[in-house]
Amino acid sequence: ELEQLAPEIFRVFGRQNPLLTAGDRNGLNTMTIGWCQ
C-alpha cells in the first residue's frame, strides 16, 4: 500500500536520487533524477 512508503520517501529523496524510467517491453530508457515530488 502506498501509505507504507510515506516515511521512506522523506528519508530517501536528497540522499538516493531515483531512476525515472519510461517505455515498455519494446524499448525503454532510464535516467537519474534529482527533482521529484
PDB file of all heavy atoms in Angstrom:
ATOM      1  N   GLU A   1       0.861  -1.181   0.000  1.00  0.00           N
ATOM      2  CA  GLU A   1       0.000   0.000   0.000  1.00  0.00           C
ATOM      3  C   GLU A   1       0.896   1.229   0.000  1.00  0.00           C
ATOM      4  O   GLU A   1       1.899   1.277   0.717  1.00  0.00           O
ATOM      5  CB  GLU A   1      -0.910   0.001   1.225  1.00  0.00           C
ATOM      6  CG  GLU A   1      -1.931  -1.122   1.233  1.00  0.00           C
ATOM      7  CD  GLU A   1      -2.873  -1.056   0.041  1.00  0.00           C
ATOM      8  OE1 GLU A   1      -3.330   0.056  -0.313  1.00  0.00           O
ATOM      9  OE2 GLU A   1      -3.146  -2.116  -0.547  1.00  0.00           O
ATOM     10  N   LEU A   2       0.561   2.230  -0.778  1.00  0.00           N
ATOM     11  CA  LEU A   2       1.382   3.424  -0.927  1.00  0.00           C
ATOM     12  C   LEU A   2       1.681   4.081   0.417  1.00  0.00           C
ATOM     13  O   LEU A   2       2.788   4.566   0.650  1.00  0.00           O
ATOM     14  CB  LEU A   2       0.703   4.421  -1.864  1.00  0.00           C
ATOM     15  CG  LEU A   2       1.458   5.710  -2.126  1.00  0.00           C
ATOM     16  CD1 LEU A   2       2.815   5.417  -2.759  1.00  0.00           C
ATOM     17  CD2 LEU A   2       0.653   6.623  -3.005  1.00  0.00           C
ATOM     18  N   GLU A   3       0.722   4.116   1.330  1.00  0.00           N
ATOM     19  CA  GLU A   3       0.907   4.782   2.616  1.00  0.00           C
ATOM     20  C   GLU A   3       2.074   4.186   3.412  1.00  0.00           C
ATOM     21  O   GLU A   3       2.662   4.849   4.248  1.00  0.00           O
ATOM     22  CB  GLU A   3      -0.374   4.721   3.442  1.00  0.00           C
ATOM     23  CG  GLU A   3      -1.472   5.622   2.915  1.00  0.00           C
ATOM     24  CD  GLU A   3      -2.180   5.076   1.669  1.00  0.00           C
ATOM     25  OE1 GLU A   3      -2.098   3.859   1.385  1.00  0.00           O
ATOM     26  OE2 GLU A   3      -2.805   5.878   0.962  1.00  0.00           O
ATOM     27  N   GLN A   4       2.420   2.926   3.167  1.00  0.00           N
ATOM     28  CA  GLN A   4       3.548   2.315   3.857  1.00  0.00           C
ATOM     29  C   GLN A   4       4.875   2.973   3.493  1.00  0.00           C
ATOM     30  O   GLN A   4       5.826   2.905   4.237  1.00  0.00           O
ATOM     31  CB  GLN A   4       3.635   0.820   3.541  1.00  0.00           C
ATOM     32  CG  GLN A   4       2.558  -0.004   4.199  1.00  0.00           C
ATOM     33  CD  GLN A   4       2.739  -1.467   3.882  1.00  0.00           C
ATOM     34  OE1 GLN A   4       2.824  -1.857   2.716  1.00  0.00           O
ATOM     35  NE2 GLN A   4       2.813  -2.275   4.912  1.00  0.00           N
ATOM     36  N   LEU A   5       4.945   3.600   2.330  1.00  0.00           N
ATOM     37  CA  LEU A   5       6.189   4.205   1.872  1.00  0.00           C
ATOM     38  C   LEU A   5       6.383   5.636   2.358  1.00  0.00           C
ATOM     39  O   LEU A   5       7.467   6.178   2.249  1.00  0.00           O
ATOM     40  CB  LEU A   5       6.239   4.213   0.340  1.00  0.00           C
ATOM     41  CG  LEU A   5       6.367   2.854  -0.331  1.00  0.00           C
ATOM     42  CD1 LEU A   5       6.375   3.028  -1.842  1.00  0.00           C
ATOM     43  CD2 LEU A   5       7.616   2.142   0.121  1.00  0.00           C
ATOM     44  N   ALA A   6       5.356   6.274   2.886  1.00  0.00           N
ATOM     45  CA  ALA A   6       5.429   7.700   3.216  1.00  0.00           C
ATOM     46  C   ALA A   6       6.669   8.084   4.026  1.00  0.00           C
ATOM     47  O   ALA A   6       7.380   9.009   3.652  1.00  0.00           O
ATOM     48  CB  ALA A   6       4.151   8.156   3.919  1.00  0.00           C
ATOM     49  N   PRO A   7       7.003   7.428   5.138  1.00  0.00           N
ATOM     50  CA  PRO A   7       8.207   7.831   5.870  1.00  0.00           C
ATOM     51  C   PRO A   7       9.484   7.612   5.061  1.00  0.00           C
ATOM     52  O   PRO A   7      10.429   8.385   5.153  1.00  0.00           O
ATOM     53  CB  PRO A   7       8.198   6.943   7.112  1.00  0.00           C
ATOM     54  CG  PRO A   7       6.810   6.442   7.227  1.00  0.00           C
ATOM     55  CD  PRO A   7       6.254   6.405   5.838  1.00  0.00           C
ATOM     56  N   GLU A   8       9.513   6.576   4.251  1.00  0.00           N
ATOM     57  CA  GLU A   8      10.676   6.277   3.427  1.00  0.00           C
ATOM     58  C   GLU A   8      10.941   7.376   2.402  1.00  0.00           C
ATOM     59  O   GLU A   8      12.074   7.698   2.100  1.00  0.00           O
ATOM     60  CB  GLU A   8      10.488   4.940   2.696  1.00  0.00           C
ATOM     61  CG  GLU A   8      10.520   3.750   3.605  1.00  0.00           C
ATOM     62  CD  GLU A   8      11.875   3.580   4.246  1.00  0.00           C
ATOM     63  OE1 GLU A   8      12.893   3.551   3.541  1.00  0.00           O
ATOM     64  OE2 GLU A   8      11.909   3.483   5.481  1.00  0.00           O
ATOM     65  N   ILE A   9       9.879   7.937   1.875  1.00  0.00           N
ATOM     66  CA  ILE A   9      10.002   8.961   0.845  1.00  0.00           C
ATOM     67  C   ILE A   9      10.858  10.123   1.335  1.00  0.00           C
ATOM     68  O   ILE A   9      11.771  10.575   0.655  1.00  0.00           O
ATOM     69  CB  ILE A   9       8.605   9.432   0.398  1.00  0.00           C
ATOM     70  CG1 ILE A   9       7.931   8.319  -0.410  1.00  0.00           C
ATOM     71  CG2 ILE A   9       8.689  10.725  -0.386  1.00  0.00           C
ATOM     72  CD1 ILE A   9       6.461   8.519  -0.638  1.00  0.00           C
ATOM     73  N   PHE A  10      10.592  10.593   2.533  1.00  0.00           N
ATOM     74  CA  PHE A  10      11.326  11.743   3.047  1.00  0.00           C
ATOM     75  C   PHE A  10      12.760  11.389   3.427  1.00  0.00           C
ATOM     76  O   PHE A  10      13.646  12.213   3.357  1.00  0.00           O
ATOM     77  CB  PHE A  10      10.569  12.364   4.223  1.00  0.00           C
ATOM     78  CG  PHE A  10       9.270  12.952   3.792  1.00  0.00           C
ATOM     79  CD1 PHE A  10       8.082  12.353   4.130  1.00  0.00           C
ATOM     80  CD2 PHE A  10       9.235  14.093   2.984  1.00  0.00           C
ATOM     81  CE1 PHE A  10       6.876  12.882   3.704  1.00  0.00           C
ATOM     82  CE2 PHE A  10       8.037  14.625   2.557  1.00  0.00           C
ATOM     83  CZ  PHE A  10       6.850  14.015   2.919  1.00  0.00           C
ATOM     84  N   ARG A  11      13.005  10.148   3.792  1.00  0.00           N
ATOM     85  CA  ARG A  11      14.358   9.702   4.107  1.00  0.00           C
ATOM     86  C   ARG A  11      15.201   9.610   2.832  1.00  0.00           C
ATOM     87  O   ARG A  11      16.376   9.965   2.812  1.00  0.00           O
ATOM     88  CB  ARG A  11      14.317   8.334   4.794  1.00  0.00           C
ATOM     89  CG  ARG A  11      15.705   7.758   5.086  1.00  0.00           C
ATOM     90  CD  ARG A  11      15.645   6.340   5.640  1.00  0.00           C
ATOM     91  NE  ARG A  11      15.113   5.374   4.698  1.00  0.00           N
ATOM     92  CZ  ARG A  11      15.814   4.828   3.700  1.00  0.00           C
ATOM     93  NH1 ARG A  11      17.058   5.176   3.481  1.00  0.00           N
ATOM     94  NH2 ARG A  11      15.249   3.939   2.908  1.00  0.00           N
ATOM     95  N   VAL A  12      14.593   9.177   1.763  1.00  0.00           N
ATOM     96  CA  VAL A  12      15.321   8.852   0.543  1.00  0.00           C
ATOM     97  C   VAL A  12      15.648  10.070  -0.321  1.00  0.00           C
ATOM     98  O   VAL A  12      16.788  10.243  -0.747  1.00  0.00           O
ATOM     99  CB  VAL A  12      14.521   7.815  -0.273  1.00  0.00           C
ATOM    100  CG1 VAL A  12      15.060   7.681  -1.677  1.00  0.00           C
ATOM    101  CG2 VAL A  12      14.546   6.476   0.432  1.00  0.00           C
ATOM    102  N   PHE A  13      14.665  10.903  -0.605  1.00  0.00           N
ATOM    103  CA  PHE A  13      14.914  11.995  -1.541  1.00  0.00           C
ATOM    104  C   PHE A  13      15.952  12.951  -0.984  1.00  0.00           C
ATOM    105  O   PHE A  13      15.905  13.358   0.156  1.00  0.00           O
ATOM    106  CB  PHE A  13      13.628  12.717  -1.917  1.00  0.00           C
ATOM    107  CG  PHE A  13      12.771  11.881  -2.822  1.00  0.00           C
ATOM    108  CD1 PHE A  13      11.536  11.433  -2.411  1.00  0.00           C
ATOM    109  CD2 PHE A  13      13.217  11.520  -4.079  1.00  0.00           C
ATOM    110  CE1 PHE A  13      10.764  10.640  -3.239  1.00  0.00           C
ATOM    111  CE2 PHE A  13      12.457  10.735  -4.908  1.00  0.00           C
ATOM    112  CZ  PHE A  13      11.213  10.295  -4.485  1.00  0.00           C
ATOM    113  N   GLY A  14      16.910  13.283  -1.823  1.00  0.00           N
ATOM    114  CA  GLY A  14      18.033  14.109  -1.409  1.00  0.00           C
ATOM    115  C   GLY A  14      19.252  13.283  -1.037  1.00  0.00           C
ATOM    116  O   GLY A  14      20.355  13.796  -0.983  1.00  0.00           O
ATOM    117  N   ARG A  15      19.050  11.996  -0.772  1.00  0.00           N
ATOM    118  CA  ARG A  15      20.163  11.104  -0.422  1.00  0.00           C
ATOM    119  C   ARG A  15      20.394  10.023  -1.480  1.00  0.00           C
ATOM    120  O   ARG A  15      21.515   9.628  -1.725  1.00  0.00           O
ATOM    121  CB  ARG A  15      19.885  10.442   0.928  1.00  0.00           C
ATOM    122  CG  ARG A  15      19.881  11.418   2.075  1.00  0.00           C
ATOM    123  CD  ARG A  15      19.820  10.671   3.408  1.00  0.00           C
ATOM    124  NE  ARG A  15      19.682  11.625   4.488  1.00  0.00           N
ATOM    125  CZ  ARG A  15      18.566  11.820   5.167  1.00  0.00           C
ATOM    126  NH1 ARG A  15      17.495  11.116   4.896  1.00  0.00           N
ATOM    127  NH2 ARG A  15      18.520  12.702   6.136  1.00  0.00           N
ATOM    128  N   GLN A  16      19.301   9.515  -2.024  1.00  0.00           N
ATOM    129  CA  GLN A  16      19.372   8.457  -3.032  1.00  0.00           C
ATOM    130  C   GLN A  16      18.537   8.907  -4.224  1.00  0.00           C
ATOM    131  O   GLN A  16      17.344   8.678  -4.262  1.00  0.00           O
ATOM    132  CB  GLN A  16      18.789   7.151  -2.471  1.00  0.00           C
ATOM    133  CG  GLN A  16      19.557   6.553  -1.318  1.00  0.00           C
ATOM    134  CD  GLN A  16      18.724   5.498  -0.613  1.00  0.00           C
ATOM    135  OE1 GLN A  16      18.317   5.713   0.514  1.00  0.00           O
ATOM    136  NE2 GLN A  16      18.466   4.380  -1.252  1.00  0.00           N
ATOM    137  N   ASN A  17      19.180   9.544  -5.178  1.00  0.00           N
ATOM    138  CA  ASN A  17      18.424  10.012  -6.337  1.00  0.00           C
ATOM    139  C   ASN A  17      17.823   8.823  -7.078  1.00  0.00           C
ATOM    140  O   ASN A  17      18.516   7.862  -7.388  1.00  0.00           O
ATOM    141  CB  ASN A  17      19.307  10.826  -7.268  1.00  0.00           C
ATOM    142  CG  ASN A  17      19.653  12.168  -6.681  1.00  0.00           C
ATOM    143  OD1 ASN A  17      18.999  12.637  -5.761  1.00  0.00           O
ATOM    144  ND2 ASN A  17      20.683  12.786  -7.210  1.00  0.00           N
ATOM    145  N   PRO A  18      16.514   8.893  -7.361  1.00  0.00           N
ATOM    146  CA  PRO A  18      15.856   7.761  -8.012  1.00  0.00           C
ATOM    147  C   PRO A  18      16.112   7.716  -9.515  1.00  0.00           C
ATOM    148  O   PRO A  18      16.598   8.671 -10.117  1.00  0.00           O
ATOM    149  CB  PRO A  18      14.373   8.019  -7.723  1.00  0.00           C
ATOM    150  CG  PRO A  18      14.264   9.468  -7.462  1.00  0.00           C
ATOM    151  CD  PRO A  18      15.587   9.936  -6.947  1.00  0.00           C
ATOM    152  N   LEU A  19      15.737   6.586 -10.095  1.00  0.00           N
ATOM    153  CA  LEU A  19      15.769   6.409 -11.537  1.00  0.00           C
ATOM    154  C   LEU A  19      14.354   6.586 -12.073  1.00  0.00           C
ATOM    155  O   LEU A  19      13.417   5.930 -11.605  1.00  0.00           O
ATOM    156  CB  LEU A  19      16.281   5.019 -11.913  1.00  0.00           C
ATOM    157  CG  LEU A  19      17.713   4.693 -11.523  1.00  0.00           C
ATOM    158  CD1 LEU A  19      18.057   3.254 -11.914  1.00  0.00           C
ATOM    159  CD2 LEU A  19      18.688   5.670 -12.153  1.00  0.00           C
ATOM    160  N   LEU A  20      14.203   7.489 -13.024  1.00  0.00           N
ATOM    161  CA  LEU A  20      12.950   7.672 -13.745  1.00  0.00           C
ATOM    162  C   LEU A  20      13.046   6.816 -14.999  1.00  0.00           C
ATOM    163  O   LEU A  20      14.033   6.911 -15.743  1.00  0.00           O
ATOM    164  CB  LEU A  20      12.765   9.139 -14.125  1.00  0.00           C
ATOM    165  CG  LEU A  20      11.645   9.448 -15.114  1.00  0.00           C
ATOM    166  CD1 LEU A  20      10.280   9.119 -14.526  1.00  0.00           C
ATOM    167  CD2 LEU A  20      11.721  10.899 -15.559  1.00  0.00           C
ATOM    168  N   THR A  21      12.031   5.988 -15.230  1.00  0.00           N
ATOM    169  CA  THR A  21      12.060   5.088 -16.372  1.00  0.00           C
ATOM    170  C   THR A  21      10.736   5.170 -17.113  1.00  0.00           C
ATOM    171  O   THR A  21       9.674   5.227 -16.492  1.00  0.00           O
ATOM    172  CB  THR A  21      12.305   3.635 -15.911  1.00  0.00           C
ATOM    173  OG1 THR A  21      13.454   3.612 -15.058  1.00  0.00           O
ATOM    174  CG2 THR A  21      12.533   2.709 -17.088  1.00  0.00           C
ATOM    175  N   ALA A  22      10.821   5.189 -18.427  1.00  0.00           N
ATOM    176  CA  ALA A  22       9.618   5.182 -19.269  1.00  0.00           C
ATOM    177  C   ALA A  22       9.876   4.273 -20.454  1.00  0.00           C
ATOM    178  O   ALA A  22      11.015   4.077 -20.871  1.00  0.00           O
ATOM    179  CB  ALA A  22       9.273   6.596 -19.733  1.00  0.00           C
ATOM    180  N   GLY A  23       8.807   3.737 -20.977  1.00  0.00           N
ATOM    181  CA  GLY A  23       8.892   2.818 -22.104  1.00  0.00           C
ATOM    182  C   GLY A  23       7.977   1.639 -21.868  1.00  0.00           C
ATOM    183  O   GLY A  23       7.014   1.713 -21.110  1.00  0.00           O
ATOM    184  N   ASP A  24       8.329   0.520 -22.505  1.00  0.00           N
ATOM    185  CA  ASP A  24       7.551  -0.708 -22.362  1.00  0.00           C
ATOM    186  C   ASP A  24       8.451  -1.878 -22.748  1.00  0.00           C
ATOM    187  O   ASP A  24       9.677  -1.725 -22.816  1.00  0.00           O
ATOM    188  CB  ASP A  24       6.272  -0.658 -23.207  1.00  0.00           C
ATOM    189  CG  ASP A  24       6.532  -0.394 -24.679  1.00  0.00           C
ATOM    190  OD1 ASP A  24       7.625  -0.737 -25.188  1.00  0.00           O
ATOM    191  OD2 ASP A  24       5.641   0.166 -25.339  1.00  0.00           O
ATOM    192  N   ARG A  25       7.849  -3.028 -23.025  1.00  0.00           N
ATOM    193  CA  ARG A  25       8.625  -4.235 -23.347  1.00  0.00           C
ATOM    194  C   ARG A  25       9.383  -4.100 -24.666  1.00  0.00           C
ATOM    195  O   ARG A  25      10.318  -4.849 -24.922  1.00  0.00           O
ATOM    196  CB  ARG A  25       7.714  -5.454 -23.381  1.00  0.00           C
ATOM    197  CG  ARG A  25       7.149  -5.783 -22.020  1.00  0.00           C
ATOM    198  CD  ARG A  25       6.126  -6.909 -22.074  1.00  0.00           C
ATOM    199  NE  ARG A  25       5.385  -7.001 -20.835  1.00  0.00           N
ATOM    200  CZ  ARG A  25       5.755  -7.729 -19.785  1.00  0.00           C
ATOM    201  NH1 ARG A  25       6.860  -8.440 -19.838  1.00  0.00           N
ATOM    202  NH2 ARG A  25       5.017  -7.755 -18.699  1.00  0.00           N
ATOM    203  N   ASN A  26       8.998  -3.145 -25.502  1.00  0.00           N
ATOM    204  CA  ASN A  26       9.662  -2.948 -26.792  1.00  0.00           C
ATOM    205  C   ASN A  26      10.838  -1.993 -26.734  1.00  0.00           C
ATOM    206  O   ASN A  26      11.606  -1.901 -27.680  1.00  0.00           O
ATOM    207  CB  ASN A  26       8.649  -2.452 -27.825  1.00  0.00           C
ATOM    208  CG  ASN A  26       7.578  -3.486 -28.090  1.00  0.00           C
ATOM    209  OD1 ASN A  26       7.869  -4.663 -28.228  1.00  0.00           O
ATOM    210  ND2 ASN A  26       6.336  -3.038 -28.128  1.00  0.00           N
ATOM    211  N   GLY A  27      10.971  -1.256 -25.659  1.00  0.00           N
ATOM    212  CA  GLY A  27      12.063  -0.304 -25.521  1.00  0.00           C
ATOM    213  C   GLY A  27      11.816   0.616 -24.346  1.00  0.00           C
ATOM    214  O   GLY A  27      10.672   0.924 -24.010  1.00  0.00           O
ATOM    215  N   LEU A  28      12.910   1.040 -23.713  1.00  0.00           N
ATOM    216  CA  LEU A  28      12.788   1.893 -22.544  1.00  0.00           C
ATOM    217  C   LEU A  28      14.049   2.715 -22.386  1.00  0.00           C
ATOM    218  O   LEU A  28      15.068   2.447 -23.015  1.00  0.00           O
ATOM    219  CB  LEU A  28      12.543   1.056 -21.279  1.00  0.00           C
ATOM    220  CG  LEU A  28      13.651   0.076 -20.866  1.00  0.00           C
ATOM    221  CD1 LEU A  28      14.605   0.702 -19.864  1.00  0.00           C
ATOM    222  CD2 LEU A  28      13.034  -1.167 -20.260  1.00  0.00           C
ATOM    223  N   ASN A  29      13.957   3.711 -21.545  1.00  0.00           N
ATOM    224  CA  ASN A  29      15.143   4.442 -21.116  1.00  0.00           C
ATOM    225  C   ASN A  29      14.954   4.839 -19.670  1.00  0.00           C
ATOM    226  O   ASN A  29      13.840   5.010 -19.191  1.00  0.00           O
ATOM    227  CB  ASN A  29      15.422   5.666 -21.978  1.00  0.00           C
ATOM    228  CG  ASN A  29      16.841   6.170 -21.751  1.00  0.00           C
ATOM    229  OD1 ASN A  29      17.802   5.431 -21.963  1.00  0.00           O
ATOM    230  ND2 ASN A  29      16.981   7.389 -21.300  1.00  0.00           N
ATOM    231  N   THR A  30      16.075   4.949 -18.989  1.00  0.00           N
ATOM    232  CA  THR A  30      16.074   5.366 -17.595  1.00  0.00           C
ATOM    233  C   THR A  30      17.069   6.490 -17.423  1.00  0.00           C
ATOM    234  O   THR A  30      18.048   6.581 -18.170  1.00  0.00           O
ATOM    235  CB  THR A  30      16.382   4.179 -16.654  1.00  0.00           C
ATOM    236  OG1 THR A  30      16.113   4.570 -15.310  1.00  0.00           O
ATOM    237  CG2 THR A  30      17.830   3.717 -16.777  1.00  0.00           C
ATOM    238  N   MET A  31      16.804   7.350 -16.453  1.00  0.00           N
ATOM    239  CA  MET A  31      17.714   8.443 -16.135  1.00  0.00           C
ATOM    240  C   MET A  31      17.617   8.739 -14.643  1.00  0.00           C
ATOM    241  O   MET A  31      16.580   8.509 -14.019  1.00  0.00           O
ATOM    242  CB  MET A  31      17.389   9.693 -16.947  1.00  0.00           C
ATOM    243  CG  MET A  31      16.034  10.295 -16.650  1.00  0.00           C
ATOM    244  SD  MET A  31      15.664  11.771 -17.626  1.00  0.00           S
ATOM    245  CE  MET A  31      16.246  13.038 -16.529  1.00  0.00           C
ATOM    246  N   THR A  32      18.688   9.224 -14.081  1.00  0.00           N
ATOM    247  CA  THR A  32      18.689   9.643 -12.695  1.00  0.00           C
ATOM    248  C   THR A  32      18.034  11.013 -12.604  1.00  0.00           C
ATOM    249  O   THR A  32      18.274  11.879 -13.438  1.00  0.00           O
ATOM    250  CB  THR A  32      20.138   9.716 -12.168  1.00  0.00           C
ATOM    251  OG1 THR A  32      20.736   8.421 -12.342  1.00  0.00           O
ATOM    252  CG2 THR A  32      20.183  10.107 -10.702  1.00  0.00           C
ATOM    253  N   ILE A  33      17.190  11.178 -11.592  1.00  0.00           N
ATOM    254  CA  ILE A  33      16.528  12.469 -11.400  1.00  0.00           C
ATOM    255  C   ILE A  33      16.836  13.022 -10.007  1.00  0.00           C
ATOM    256  O   ILE A  33      17.006  12.272  -9.052  1.00  0.00           O
ATOM    257  CB  ILE A  33      14.998  12.392 -11.607  1.00  0.00           C
ATOM    258  CG1 ILE A  33      14.349  11.344 -10.688  1.00  0.00           C
ATOM    259  CG2 ILE A  33      14.678  12.119 -13.064  1.00  0.00           C
ATOM    260  CD1 ILE A  33      12.836  11.353 -10.709  1.00  0.00           C
ATOM    261  N   GLY A  34      16.926  14.325  -9.942  1.00  0.00           N
ATOM    262  CA  GLY A  34      17.119  14.999  -8.671  1.00  0.00           C
ATOM    263  C   GLY A  34      15.861  15.706  -8.217  1.00  0.00           C
ATOM    264  O   GLY A  34      15.732  16.084  -7.063  1.00  0.00           O
ATOM    265  N   TRP A  35      14.941  15.906  -9.129  1.00  0.00           N
ATOM    266  CA  TRP A  35      13.686  16.588  -8.823  1.00  0.00           C
ATOM    267  C   TRP A  35      12.550  15.577  -8.870  1.00  0.00           C
ATOM    268  O   TRP A  35      12.331  14.911  -9.885  1.00  0.00           O
ATOM    269  CB  TRP A  35      13.376  17.653  -9.850  1.00  0.00           C
ATOM    270  CG  TRP A  35      14.334  18.799  -9.926  1.00  0.00           C
ATOM    271  CD1 TRP A  35      15.492  18.960  -9.224  1.00  0.00           C
ATOM    272  CD2 TRP A  35      14.209  19.930 -10.770  1.00  0.00           C
ATOM    273  NE1 TRP A  35      16.097  20.139  -9.589  1.00  0.00           N
ATOM    274  CE2 TRP A  35      15.325  20.757 -10.533  1.00  0.00           C
ATOM    275  CE3 TRP A  35      13.272  20.333 -11.702  1.00  0.00           C
ATOM    276  CZ2 TRP A  35      15.516  21.956 -11.199  1.00  0.00           C
ATOM    277  CZ3 TRP A  35      13.457  21.526 -12.367  1.00  0.00           C
ATOM    278  CH2 TRP A  35      14.563  22.332 -12.104  1.00  0.00           C
ATOM    279  N   CYS A  36      11.825  15.470  -7.786  1.00  0.00           N
ATOM    280  CA  CYS A  36      10.675  14.579  -7.711  1.00  0.00           C
ATOM    281  C   CYS A  36       9.811  15.046  -6.555  1.00  0.00           C
ATOM    282  O   CYS A  36      10.335  15.429  -5.504  1.00  0.00           O
ATOM    283  CB  CYS A  36      11.139  13.140  -7.493  1.00  0.00           C
ATOM    284  SG  CYS A  36       9.808  11.932  -7.543  1.00  0.00           S
ATOM    285  N   GLN A  37       8.513  15.038  -6.755  1.00  0.00           N
ATOM    286  CA  GLN A  37       7.584  15.424  -5.699  1.00  0.00           C
ATOM    287  C   GLN A  37       6.516  14.352  -5.555  1.00  0.00           C
ATOM    288  O   GLN A  37       6.069  13.781  -6.549  1.00  0.00           O
ATOM    289  CB  GLN A  37       6.912  16.757  -6.030  1.00  0.00           C
ATOM    290  CG  GLN A  37       7.892  17.900  -6.152  1.00  0.00           C
ATOM    291  CD  GLN A  37       7.229  19.164  -6.664  1.00  0.00           C
ATOM    292  OE1 GLN A  37       6.248  19.121  -7.399  1.00  0.00           O
ATOM    293  NE2 GLN A  37       7.771  20.304  -6.276  1.00  0.00           N
TER     294      GLN A  37
END
